[in-house]
């Protein structure tokens, strides 16, 4: 189902990927921004471990993601 987060079926389903250094650098910057948002939101932040999330840590609906880009 669209938008559902599912666990992997097995450990062998987890795969490493190679990313360009520029992408890794941007992800590190983004992680820093998320950490700031988490501290700003305080107890209302839901740490879901997502890379792309709302300022409260919850998943972004696809239609809302399109609006922000």
PDB file of N, CA and C in Angstrom:
ATOM      1  N   UNK A   1       0.848  -1.186   0.000  1.00  0.00           N
ATOM      2  CA  UNK A   1       0.000   0.000   0.000  1.00  0.00           C
ATOM      3  C   UNK A   1       0.888   1.242   0.000  1.00  0.00           C
ATOM      4  N   UNK A   2       0.525   2.227  -0.766  1.00  0.00           N
ATOM      5  CA  UNK A   2       1.294   3.452  -0.892  1.00  0.00           C
ATOM      6  C   UNK A   2       1.405   4.168   0.455  1.00  0.00           C
ATOM      7  N   UNK A   3       2.625   4.533   0.801  1.00  0.00           N
ATOM      8  CA  UNK A   3       2.844   5.279   2.029  1.00  0.00           C
ATOM      9  C   UNK A   3       3.029   4.439   3.277  1.00  0.00           C
ATOM     10  N   UNK A   4       2.911   3.136   3.142  1.00  0.00           N
ATOM     11  CA  UNK A   4       3.091   2.263   4.298  1.00  0.00           C
ATOM     12  C   UNK A   4       4.569   1.922   4.463  1.00  0.00           C
ATOM     13  N   UNK A   5       5.034   1.913   5.681  1.00  0.00           N
ATOM     14  CA  UNK A   5       6.409   1.528   5.985  1.00  0.00           C
ATOM     15  C   UNK A   5       6.375   0.083   6.453  1.00  0.00           C
ATOM     16  N   UNK A   6       7.141  -0.744   5.774  1.00  0.00           N
ATOM     17  CA  UNK A   6       7.126  -2.166   6.095  1.00  0.00           C
ATOM     18  C   UNK A   6       8.514  -2.624   6.495  1.00  0.00           C
ATOM     19  N   UNK A   7       8.555  -3.611   7.353  1.00  0.00           N
ATOM     20  CA  UNK A   7       9.816  -4.235   7.729  1.00  0.00           C
ATOM     21  C   UNK A   7      10.304  -5.090   6.565  1.00  0.00           C
ATOM     22  N   UNK A   8      11.615  -5.306   6.515  1.00  0.00           N
ATOM     23  CA  UNK A   8      12.160  -6.191   5.496  1.00  0.00           C
ATOM     24  C   UNK A   8      11.713  -7.619   5.773  1.00  0.00           C
ATOM     25  N   UNK A   9      11.548  -8.397   4.722  1.00  0.00           N
ATOM     26  CA  UNK A   9      11.099  -9.781   4.890  1.00  0.00           C
ATOM     27  C   UNK A   9      12.193 -10.645   5.503  1.00  0.00           C
ATOM     28  N   UNK A  10      13.454 -10.308   5.231  1.00  0.00           N
ATOM     29  CA  UNK A  10      14.571 -11.079   5.789  1.00  0.00           C
ATOM     30  C   UNK A  10      15.797 -10.179   5.887  1.00  0.00           C
ATOM     31  N   UNK A  11      16.781 -10.611   6.668  1.00  0.00           N
ATOM     32  CA  UNK A  11      18.013  -9.835   6.795  1.00  0.00           C
ATOM     33  C   UNK A  11      18.736  -9.729   5.458  1.00  0.00           C
ATOM     34  N   UNK A  12      18.599 -10.752   4.613  1.00  0.00           N
ATOM     35  CA  UNK A  12      19.282 -10.726   3.315  1.00  0.00           C
ATOM     36  C   UNK A  12      18.642  -9.716   2.358  1.00  0.00           C
ATOM     37  N   UNK A  13      17.484  -9.186   2.705  1.00  0.00           N
ATOM     38  CA  UNK A  13      16.833  -8.169   1.874  1.00  0.00           C
ATOM     39  C   UNK A  13      17.506  -6.809   2.035  1.00  0.00           C
ATOM     40  N   UNK A  14      18.287  -6.630   3.090  1.00  0.00           N
ATOM     41  CA  UNK A  14      18.989  -5.367   3.329  1.00  0.00           C
ATOM     42  C   UNK A  14      20.209  -5.320   2.420  1.00  0.00           C
ATOM     43  N   UNK A  15      20.346  -4.220   1.671  1.00  0.00           N
ATOM     44  CA  UNK A  15      21.440  -4.109   0.717  1.00  0.00           C
ATOM     45  C   UNK A  15      22.176  -2.776   0.906  1.00  0.00           C
ATOM     46  N   UNK A  16      23.496  -2.830   0.862  1.00  0.00           N
ATOM     47  CA  UNK A  16      24.255  -1.575   0.866  1.00  0.00           C
ATOM     48  C   UNK A  16      24.171  -0.931  -0.520  1.00  0.00           C
ATOM     49  N   UNK A  17      24.243   0.385  -0.545  1.00  0.00           N
ATOM     50  CA  UNK A  17      24.263   1.094  -1.818  1.00  0.00           C
ATOM     51  C   UNK A  17      25.443   2.063  -1.817  1.00  0.00           C
ATOM     52  N   UNK A  18      25.931   2.374  -2.981  1.00  0.00           N
ATOM     53  CA  UNK A  18      27.002   3.358  -3.122  1.00  0.00           C
ATOM     54  C   UNK A  18      26.374   4.699  -3.472  1.00  0.00           C
ATOM     55  N   UNK A  19      26.848   5.733  -2.800  1.00  0.00           N
ATOM     56  CA  UNK A  19      26.350   7.083  -3.062  1.00  0.00           C
ATOM     57  C   UNK A  19      27.533   7.998  -3.357  1.00  0.00           C
ATOM     58  N   UNK A  20      27.345   8.951  -4.240  1.00  0.00           N
ATOM     59  CA  UNK A  20      28.406   9.930  -4.481  1.00  0.00           C
ATOM     60  C   UNK A  20      28.676  10.738  -3.209  1.00  0.00           C
ATOM     61  N   UNK A  21      29.910  11.203  -3.065  1.00  0.00           N
ATOM     62  CA  UNK A  21      30.295  11.974  -1.881  1.00  0.00           C
ATOM     63  C   UNK A  21      29.386  13.187  -1.685  1.00  0.00           C
ATOM     64  N   UNK A  22      29.008  13.848  -2.772  1.00  0.00           N
ATOM     65  CA  UNK A  22      28.135  15.028  -2.664  1.00  0.00           C
ATOM     66  C   UNK A  22      26.796  14.663  -2.041  1.00  0.00           C
ATOM     67  N   UNK A  23      26.272  13.494  -2.382  1.00  0.00           N
ATOM     68  CA  UNK A  23      25.000  13.044  -1.818  1.00  0.00           C
ATOM     69  C   UNK A  23      25.156  12.755  -0.333  1.00  0.00           C
ATOM     70  N   UNK A  24      26.247  12.094   0.028  1.00  0.00           N
ATOM     71  CA  UNK A  24      26.513  11.797   1.443  1.00  0.00           C
ATOM     72  C   UNK A  24      26.648  13.092   2.235  1.00  0.00           C
ATOM     73  N   UNK A  25      27.346  14.072   1.666  1.00  0.00           N
ATOM     74  CA  UNK A  25      27.499  15.368   2.341  1.00  0.00           C
ATOM     75  C   UNK A  25      26.148  16.050   2.555  1.00  0.00           C
ATOM     76  N   UNK A  26      25.280  16.004   1.546  1.00  0.00           N
ATOM     77  CA  UNK A  26      23.951  16.601   1.676  1.00  0.00           C
ATOM     78  C   UNK A  26      23.106  15.868   2.719  1.00  0.00           C
ATOM     79  N   UNK A  27      23.213  14.552   2.751  1.00  0.00           N
ATOM     80  CA  UNK A  27      22.473  13.776   3.754  1.00  0.00           C
ATOM     81  C   UNK A  27      22.952  14.109   5.165  1.00  0.00           C
ATOM     82  N   UNK A  28      24.239  14.342   5.321  1.00  0.00           N
ATOM     83  CA  UNK A  28      24.771  14.734   6.636  1.00  0.00           C
ATOM     84  C   UNK A  28      24.239  16.102   7.051  1.00  0.00           C
ATOM     85  N   UNK A  29      24.166  17.037   6.098  1.00  0.00           N
ATOM     86  CA  UNK A  29      23.595  18.359   6.397  1.00  0.00           C
ATOM     87  C   UNK A  29      22.127  18.222   6.787  1.00  0.00           C
ATOM     88  N   UNK A  30      21.420  17.381   6.033  1.00  0.00           N
ATOM     89  CA  UNK A  30      19.995  17.171   6.305  1.00  0.00           C
ATOM     90  C   UNK A  30      19.791  16.554   7.686  1.00  0.00           C
ATOM     91  N   UNK A  31      20.676  15.632   8.054  1.00  0.00           N
ATOM     92  CA  UNK A  31      20.592  15.008   9.381  1.00  0.00           C
ATOM     93  C   UNK A  31      20.754  16.061  10.473  1.00  0.00           C
ATOM     94  N   UNK A  32      21.658  17.004  10.255  1.00  0.00           N
ATOM     95  CA  UNK A  32      21.864  18.086  11.222  1.00  0.00           C
ATOM     96  C   UNK A  32      20.602  18.944  11.355  1.00  0.00           C
ATOM     97  N   UNK A  33      19.958  19.218  10.233  1.00  0.00           N
ATOM     98  CA  UNK A  33      18.707  19.992  10.251  1.00  0.00           C
ATOM     99  C   UNK A  33      17.631  19.230  11.018  1.00  0.00           C
ATOM    100  N   UNK A  34      17.538  17.913  10.768  1.00  0.00           N
ATOM    101  CA  UNK A  34      16.543  17.103  11.474  1.00  0.00           C
ATOM    102  C   UNK A  34      16.797  17.095  12.982  1.00  0.00           C
ATOM    103  N   UNK A  35      18.066  17.042  13.370  1.00  0.00           N
ATOM    104  CA  UNK A  35      18.397  17.064  14.800  1.00  0.00           C
ATOM    105  C   UNK A  35      17.967  18.387  15.429  1.00  0.00           C
ATOM    106  N   UNK A  36      18.135  19.482  14.695  1.00  0.00           N
ATOM    107  CA  UNK A  36      17.694  20.793  15.197  1.00  0.00           C
ATOM    108  C   UNK A  36      16.169  20.818  15.337  1.00  0.00           C
ATOM    109  N   UNK A  37      15.462  20.313  14.325  1.00  0.00           N
ATOM    110  CA  UNK A  37      13.996  20.287  14.388  1.00  0.00           C
ATOM    111  C   UNK A  37      13.518  19.420  15.541  1.00  0.00           C
ATOM    112  N   UNK A  38      14.217  18.318  15.769  1.00  0.00           N
ATOM    113  CA  UNK A  38      13.856  17.427  16.875  1.00  0.00           C
ATOM    114  C   UNK A  38      14.002  18.155  18.212  1.00  0.00           C
ATOM    115  N   UNK A  39      15.093  18.873  18.384  1.00  0.00           N
ATOM    116  CA  UNK A  39      15.285  19.588  19.653  1.00  0.00           C
ATOM    117  C   UNK A  39      14.304  20.739  19.794  1.00  0.00           C
ATOM    118  N   UNK A  40      13.940  21.370  18.688  1.00  0.00           N
ATOM    119  CA  UNK A  40      12.974  22.470  18.721  1.00  0.00           C
ATOM    120  C   UNK A  40      11.569  21.973  19.062  1.00  0.00           C
ATOM    121  N   UNK A  41      11.197  20.834  18.476  1.00  0.00           N
ATOM    122  CA  UNK A  41       9.849  20.288  18.695  1.00  0.00           C
ATOM    123  C   UNK A  41       9.686  19.685  20.087  1.00  0.00           C
ATOM    124  N   UNK A  42      10.780  19.268  20.689  1.00  0.00           N
ATOM    125  CA  UNK A  42      10.716  18.698  22.039  1.00  0.00           C
ATOM    126  C   UNK A  42       9.933  17.401  22.087  1.00  0.00           C
ATOM    127  N   UNK A  43       9.061  17.296  23.082  1.00  0.00           N
ATOM    128  CA  UNK A  43       8.306  16.059  23.316  1.00  0.00           C
ATOM    129  C   UNK A  43       7.314  15.751  22.201  1.00  0.00           C
ATOM    130  N   UNK A  44       6.964  16.751  21.397  1.00  0.00           N
ATOM    131  CA  UNK A  44       5.997  16.503  20.322  1.00  0.00           C
ATOM    132  C   UNK A  44       6.646  15.870  19.089  1.00  0.00           C
ATOM    133  N   UNK A  45       7.977  15.705  19.112  1.00  0.00           N
ATOM    134  CA  UNK A  45       8.677  15.088  17.983  1.00  0.00           C
ATOM    135  C   UNK A  45       8.573  13.570  18.079  1.00  0.00           C
ATOM    136  N   UNK A  46       8.174  12.952  16.991  1.00  0.00           N
ATOM    137  CA  UNK A  46       8.050  11.494  16.918  1.00  0.00           C
ATOM    138  C   UNK A  46       9.225  10.966  16.095  1.00  0.00           C
ATOM    139  N   UNK A  47      10.231  10.440  16.766  1.00  0.00           N
ATOM    140  CA  UNK A  47      11.437   9.989  16.071  1.00  0.00           C
ATOM    141  C   UNK A  47      11.164   8.670  15.369  1.00  0.00           C
ATOM    142  N   UNK A  48      10.840   8.761  14.087  1.00  0.00           N
ATOM    143  CA  UNK A  48      10.490   7.570  13.315  1.00  0.00           C
ATOM    144  C   UNK A  48      11.654   7.057  12.486  1.00  0.00           C
ATOM    145  N   UNK A  49      12.779   7.751  12.515  1.00  0.00           N
ATOM    146  CA  UNK A  49      13.949   7.322  11.773  1.00  0.00           C
ATOM    147  C   UNK A  49      13.874   7.601  10.280  1.00  0.00           C
ATOM    148  N   UNK A  50      12.933   8.434   9.882  1.00  0.00           N
ATOM    149  CA  UNK A  50      12.769   8.743   8.467  1.00  0.00           C
ATOM    150  C   UNK A  50      13.755   9.832   8.034  1.00  0.00           C
ATOM    151  N   UNK A  51      14.169   9.778   6.776  1.00  0.00           N
ATOM    152  CA  UNK A  51      15.036  10.816   6.222  1.00  0.00           C
ATOM    153  C   UNK A  51      14.202  12.018   5.800  1.00  0.00           C
ATOM    154  N   UNK A  52      13.069  11.757   5.193  1.00  0.00           N
ATOM    155  CA  UNK A  52      12.151  12.825   4.783  1.00  0.00           C
ATOM    156  C   UNK A  52      10.924  12.736   5.681  1.00  0.00           C
ATOM    157  N   UNK A  53      10.735  13.762   6.488  1.00  0.00           N
ATOM    158  CA  UNK A  53       9.616  13.744   7.440  1.00  0.00           C
ATOM    159  C   UNK A  53       9.159  15.169   7.709  1.00  0.00           C
ATOM    160  N   UNK A  54       8.063  15.281   8.433  1.00  0.00           N
ATOM    161  CA  UNK A  54       7.577  16.597   8.834  1.00  0.00           C
ATOM    162  C   UNK A  54       8.477  17.143   9.938  1.00  0.00           C
ATOM    163  N   UNK A  55       8.267  18.379  10.323  1.00  0.00           N
ATOM    164  CA  UNK A  55       9.088  18.944  11.397  1.00  0.00           C
ATOM    165  C   UNK A  55       8.824  18.283  12.746  1.00  0.00           C
ATOM    166  N   UNK A  56       7.796  17.433  12.801  1.00  0.00           N
ATOM    167  CA  UNK A  56       7.507  16.686  14.024  1.00  0.00           C
ATOM    168  C   UNK A  56       7.916  15.223  13.914  1.00  0.00           C
ATOM    169  N   UNK A  57       8.633  14.863  12.829  1.00  0.00           N
ATOM    170  CA  UNK A  57       9.171  13.520  12.681  1.00  0.00           C
ATOM    171  C   UNK A  57       8.222  12.507  12.060  1.00  0.00           C
ATOM    172  N   UNK A  58       7.030  12.913  11.724  1.00  0.00           N
ATOM    173  CA  UNK A  58       6.066  11.980  11.152  1.00  0.00           C
ATOM    174  C   UNK A  58       6.257  11.890   9.640  1.00  0.00           C
ATOM    175  N   UNK A  59       5.685  10.851   9.043  1.00  0.00           N
ATOM    176  CA  UNK A  59       5.866  10.683   7.596  1.00  0.00           C
ATOM    177  C   UNK A  59       5.129  11.781   6.833  1.00  0.00           C
ATOM    178  N   UNK A  60       5.691  12.127   5.698  1.00  0.00           N
ATOM    179  CA  UNK A  60       5.111  13.143   4.818  1.00  0.00           C
ATOM    180  C   UNK A  60       4.228  12.425   3.810  1.00  0.00           C
ATOM    181  N   UNK A  61       3.022  12.910   3.655  1.00  0.00           N
ATOM    182  CA  UNK A  61       2.140  12.346   2.640  1.00  0.00           C
ATOM    183  C   UNK A  61       2.670  12.743   1.263  1.00  0.00           C
ATOM    184  N   UNK A  62       2.623  11.840   0.285  1.00  0.00           N
ATOM    185  CA  UNK A  62       3.175  12.146  -1.037  1.00  0.00           C
ATOM    186  C   UNK A  62       2.652  13.450  -1.635  1.00  0.00           C
ATOM    187  N   UNK A  63       1.374  13.745  -1.490  1.00  0.00           N
ATOM    188  CA  UNK A  63       0.837  14.981  -2.083  1.00  0.00           C
ATOM    189  C   UNK A  63       1.420  16.216  -1.396  1.00  0.00           C
ATOM    190  N   UNK A  64       1.751  16.118  -0.104  1.00  0.00           N
ATOM    191  CA  UNK A  64       2.350  17.248   0.591  1.00  0.00           C
ATOM    192  C   UNK A  64       3.828  17.404   0.228  1.00  0.00           C
ATOM    193  N   UNK A  65       4.497  16.304  -0.040  1.00  0.00           N
ATOM    194  CA  UNK A  65       5.902  16.367  -0.459  1.00  0.00           C
ATOM    195  C   UNK A  65       6.001  17.090  -1.792  1.00  0.00           C
ATOM    196  N   UNK A  66       5.105  16.811  -2.695  1.00  0.00           N
ATOM    197  CA  UNK A  66       5.097  17.491  -3.981  1.00  0.00           C
ATOM    198  C   UNK A  66       4.921  18.997  -3.828  1.00  0.00           C
ATOM    199  N   UNK A  67       4.156  19.435  -2.864  1.00  0.00           N
ATOM    200  CA  UNK A  67       3.921  20.855  -2.636  1.00  0.00           C
ATOM    201  C   UNK A  67       5.176  21.576  -2.129  1.00  0.00           C
ATOM    202  N   UNK A  68       5.971  20.873  -1.330  1.00  0.00           N
ATOM    203  CA  UNK A  68       7.146  21.508  -0.736  1.00  0.00           C
ATOM    204  C   UNK A  68       8.316  21.571  -1.701  1.00  0.00           C
ATOM    205  N   UNK A  69       8.293  20.745  -2.721  1.00  0.00           N
ATOM    206  CA  UNK A  69       9.390  20.766  -3.698  1.00  0.00           C
ATOM    207  C   UNK A  69       9.029  21.672  -4.783  1.00  0.00           C
TER     208      UNK A  69
END
